[in-house]
Amino acid sequence: MSKINIGINLEFIRHHDKPFEWGVEKAAELGYTHVEPMVHLGRELLSEAGYFHSVSMLDDPLRIKRACQQAGVKLSGLSAHTPLTKPEIGTEYLKQAIRFAAECGAPVVNTDEGPKQGWSTEAEDFVLMRYTLMEASKVAEPRGILIGIECHQQYSKHPDGLDRIQKLVKSPSIGINFDTGNAFLCGHDPYQWLKRVVKRLVHLHAKDISVQQSGTERGKVTGTPVGCACGDGVIDWKKVIQIIRKDCPRDIVLSVECGTVEQAERSIKHLRPLLK
């Protein structure tokens, strides 16, 4: 039986105009045991000024490690979403994220296929994605870092498409980062889809979807940046936990994806009793 921990994606402080370290401390204060930071290439004004949570991969990776140690939390992974279909961007971005993860202590790097080029065919896109993932896997394998492919865009919005991407490269480093909210919004049964990928699961985005958002967007979008508080929406978290505990071969972090500190507080209050 796999052990399940409750973590949170740092997106929960996106609209609070606070820096990364503040978000880590707030997550610990709320009772989360793990955090999932977002990283980016280059320099970005809001992050540099302390108004945004994303961390530049030009910074020292030990910045992340120190912040987590001081707050008493662990890393579940890095949010390193980059377009796999654009190797001129995705290849070096993902390779750098993997090296960064290895040094700061994050076991997983999460990504997806990203928006496609307007001129490329589906067949061409899968060749491009295979190139990016092959290059990334060669960096991930010797470092023991896992790559979590997320259901989030035009190809991964369907179980067959997600499987096809994840299996493009035969590597023990490439698995699934399942997003419950995206799976639901794509129009699928998230529990059946989770059962299909649970043995390849390396990370899980615990995203709930409000009844209102479900009614207006389900079947019309491939995903959403963040959801509502876990327990306020349509996802049956008891069922999600049961599926993971029954069939997942490794320990998993439920990384909550919500939009505010208040939602983060309600989420952990809902999820924590379900793990007992």
Foldseek 3Di string as FASTA:
>chain_A
DAAEFAAAELLQCAVVQAEQLVSLLLRLVLPGQEYAAEEDEDDDVSRVVGGGYYHYLVDQLCVLLVSCVVNNHYYQAYAQEDALLDCVTLQVSLLSRLVSCLVSVHQEYEYENDDHDPPDDPVSSLVSNLVSVVSNLVSNVVSNHAYAYEQFDDQSLDLVSSVSSQVSDPHLRYAHAYEQQLNQQCPHDSLVSCLVRQQRHSEYADAFAAPVCSVPRRNPHRHDQGHFAPVRHDDDVLSVVVSNVVDYPYHYYHHYGHHHSVSSSRNCVVVVVSSD
